[in-house]
């Protein structure tokens, strides 16, 4: 009998997903909205006042109660599940973690994790909260390769503080 692997989406799994991003004077709110919807199609974005481009205001976008389904699908498509586990776990504190992704990559429908410096085009901060979050992160990023090379959060194979790989498996 073939068993279908569990599919995680962050909704109805006790995980709250929130996205935050700062709109700076040179940012185009329409393009930022497109980038958000490429990974979080259910995001509700409040309307912004029409201003000439570029705007001189700084505004924060906050989207709550997001589905993580498209995001997780993209992690699988890009084959970056181990990187995602490391990035999501890097700032894990009990039942909460935060990580950042590139807005330009999101605009193209891709995921690129951001470590320290603000990338060209800005970033989205993703906040995950929920009981058993570390187990959920390991489960939602699981892939069959972990049967041969087991991985878990904060193991010796995790990326280092700068985001570089600490080991390579042959």
Protein backbone atom coordinates (compact mmCIF):
# COMPACT_ATOMS: atom_id res chain seq x y z
CA UNK A 1 0.00 0.00 0.00
CA UNK A 2 1.35 3.44 -0.95
CA UNK A 3 1.06 6.00 1.79
CA UNK A 4 0.71 9.61 0.75
CA UNK A 5 3.08 11.84 2.72
CA UNK A 6 1.51 14.43 4.96
CA UNK A 7 1.15 17.82 3.37
CA UNK A 8 1.71 20.78 5.64
CA UNK A 9 0.34 24.27 5.01
CA UNK A 10 0.45 25.97 8.40
CA UNK A 11 -3.30 26.40 8.53
CA UNK A 12 -5.33 24.42 11.08
CA UNK A 13 -2.02 23.03 12.31
CA UNK A 14 -1.66 25.45 15.22
CA UNK A 15 0.87 27.60 13.36
CA UNK A 16 0.22 31.32 12.96
CA UNK A 17 1.98 32.90 9.97
CA UNK A 18 2.52 36.67 9.81
CA UNK A 19 4.35 38.71 7.16
CA UNK A 20 5.79 42.18 7.73
CA UNK A 21 7.60 44.50 5.38
CA UNK A 22 8.59 48.14 5.40
CA UNK A 23 7.74 50.20 2.34
CA UNK A 24 10.48 52.75 1.83
CA UNK A 25 10.25 55.88 -0.32
CA UNK A 26 11.58 54.15 -3.47
CA UNK A 27 9.32 51.09 -3.21
CA UNK A 28 6.33 50.56 -5.49
CA UNK A 29 3.45 49.26 -3.36
CA UNK A 30 1.89 47.48 -6.38
CA UNK A 31 5.06 45.45 -6.98
CA UNK A 32 5.37 44.64 -3.28
CA UNK A 33 1.76 43.41 -3.30
CA UNK A 34 2.52 41.23 -6.34
CA UNK A 35 5.54 39.77 -4.50
CA UNK A 36 3.43 38.99 -1.43
CA UNK A 37 0.66 37.35 -3.45
CA UNK A 38 3.14 35.21 -5.40
CA UNK A 39 3.95 33.27 -2.20
CA UNK A 40 0.89 34.05 -0.06
CA UNK A 41 -2.08 34.30 -2.45
CA UNK A 42 -4.60 34.63 0.39
CA UNK A 43 -2.87 37.69 1.91
CA UNK A 44 -5.12 40.65 2.56
CA UNK A 45 -3.23 43.88 1.97
CA UNK A 46 -4.76 47.15 3.07
CA UNK A 47 -5.09 49.72 0.30
CA UNK A 48 -2.51 52.46 0.23
CA UNK A 49 -3.18 56.06 -0.58
CA UNK A 50 -2.30 56.84 -4.19
CA UNK A 51 0.93 58.78 -4.29
CA UNK A 52 3.28 59.67 -7.04
CA UNK A 53 6.20 57.28 -7.46
CA UNK A 54 8.49 57.41 -5.63
CA UNK A 55 6.65 58.14 -2.42
CA UNK A 56 8.26 60.02 0.43
CA UNK A 57 6.42 58.04 3.12
CA UNK A 58 7.56 54.97 5.02
CA UNK A 59 4.78 52.49 5.71
CA UNK A 60 4.64 49.01 7.15
CA UNK A 61 2.67 46.20 5.55
CA UNK A 62 1.42 43.51 7.93
CA UNK A 63 -0.46 40.40 6.74
CA UNK A 64 -1.81 38.02 9.38
CA UNK A 65 -3.31 34.50 9.32
CA UNK A 66 -1.51 33.44 6.15
CA UNK A 67 -1.52 30.01 4.59
CA UNK A 68 2.00 28.59 4.25
CA UNK A 69 0.93 26.15 1.51
CA UNK A 70 2.31 27.96 -1.58
CA UNK A 71 5.48 28.86 0.33
CA UNK A 72 6.10 25.21 1.23
CA UNK A 73 5.32 24.10 -2.34
CA UNK A 74 7.95 26.53 -3.60
CA UNK A 75 10.52 25.21 -1.10
CA UNK A 76 9.94 21.73 -2.51
CA UNK A 77 10.07 22.95 -6.12
CA UNK A 78 13.35 24.79 -5.52
CA UNK A 79 14.70 21.79 -3.55
CA UNK A 80 15.80 23.97 -0.63
CA UNK A 81 14.09 22.17 2.27
CA UNK A 82 17.28 21.78 4.35
CA UNK A 83 18.17 25.43 3.82
CA UNK A 84 14.62 26.37 4.80
CA UNK A 85 14.80 24.29 7.98
CA UNK A 86 18.07 25.98 8.93
CA UNK A 87 16.79 29.49 8.12
CA UNK A 88 13.49 28.99 9.93
CA UNK A 89 15.25 27.50 12.94
CA UNK A 90 18.07 30.01 13.21
CA UNK A 91 16.10 32.40 15.46
CA UNK A 92 13.78 29.81 17.01
CA UNK A 93 12.83 30.69 20.56
CA UNK A 94 10.47 28.13 22.12
CA UNK A 95 7.25 28.51 20.11
CA UNK A 96 8.22 31.43 17.89
CA UNK A 97 10.68 32.08 15.09
CA UNK A 98 11.38 34.82 12.61
CA UNK A 99 13.25 34.79 9.30
CA UNK A 100 13.51 37.03 6.26
CA UNK A 101 13.17 36.42 2.54
CA UNK A 102 14.01 38.60 -0.45
CA UNK A 103 11.16 40.64 -1.93
CA UNK A 104 12.76 40.56 -5.40
CA UNK A 105 12.92 36.77 -5.33
CA UNK A 106 9.30 36.66 -4.13
CA UNK A 107 8.31 38.96 -7.00
CA UNK A 108 9.67 36.25 -9.32
CA UNK A 109 7.77 33.57 -7.36
CA UNK A 110 10.96 32.25 -5.74
CA UNK A 111 12.29 32.06 -2.19
CA UNK A 112 15.70 33.40 -1.21
CA UNK A 113 16.49 33.59 2.49
CA UNK A 114 18.14 36.76 3.80
CA UNK A 115 20.63 36.70 6.66
CA UNK A 116 22.00 40.07 7.71
CA UNK A 117 22.20 42.82 5.13
CA UNK A 118 19.08 44.32 3.61
CA UNK A 119 19.02 43.01 0.03
CA UNK A 120 18.36 45.10 -3.03
CA UNK A 121 14.59 45.43 -3.24
CA UNK A 122 14.00 44.87 0.47
CA UNK A 123 12.82 41.86 2.40
CA UNK A 124 9.79 40.28 4.00
CA UNK A 125 9.97 39.27 7.64
CA UNK A 126 8.04 36.06 8.30
CA UNK A 127 6.96 35.29 11.87
CA UNK A 128 5.85 31.77 12.76
CA UNK A 129 4.20 31.06 16.12
CA UNK A 130 2.72 27.90 17.57
CA UNK A 131 3.06 25.12 20.10
CA UNK A 132 5.53 22.47 18.95
CA UNK A 133 6.97 24.80 16.31
CA UNK A 134 10.36 23.06 16.14
CA UNK A 135 8.72 19.70 15.42
CA UNK A 136 6.46 21.34 12.82
CA UNK A 137 9.44 22.97 11.05
CA UNK A 138 11.28 19.65 10.87
CA UNK A 139 8.14 17.90 9.60
CA UNK A 140 7.15 20.47 6.97
CA UNK A 141 10.70 20.53 5.53
CA UNK A 142 11.16 16.76 5.61
CA UNK A 143 12.26 15.04 2.39
CA UNK A 144 13.25 11.47 1.56
CA UNK A 145 16.96 12.36 1.51
CA UNK A 146 16.84 12.58 5.29
CA UNK A 147 16.47 8.81 5.41
CA UNK A 148 20.11 8.60 4.27
CA UNK A 149 21.43 11.81 5.85
CA UNK A 150 19.32 12.52 8.94
CA UNK A 151 18.92 16.19 9.83
CA UNK A 152 17.29 18.09 12.65
CA UNK A 153 17.20 21.67 13.83
CA UNK A 154 20.49 22.99 15.19
CA UNK A 155 22.48 19.88 14.29
CA UNK A 156 26.13 19.94 13.22
CA UNK A 157 25.05 20.08 9.56
CA UNK A 158 23.19 23.36 10.01
CA UNK A 159 24.37 26.50 8.28
CA UNK A 160 26.58 28.79 10.31
CA UNK A 161 25.69 32.28 11.53
CA UNK A 162 26.65 33.88 8.19
CA UNK A 163 24.37 31.53 6.25
CA UNK A 164 27.21 29.46 4.81
CA UNK A 165 26.98 25.66 4.75
CA UNK A 166 28.99 24.12 7.56
CA UNK A 167 29.32 20.67 5.95
CA UNK A 168 28.71 18.99 2.63
CA UNK A 169 27.63 15.38 2.29
CA UNK A 170 28.95 13.29 -0.59
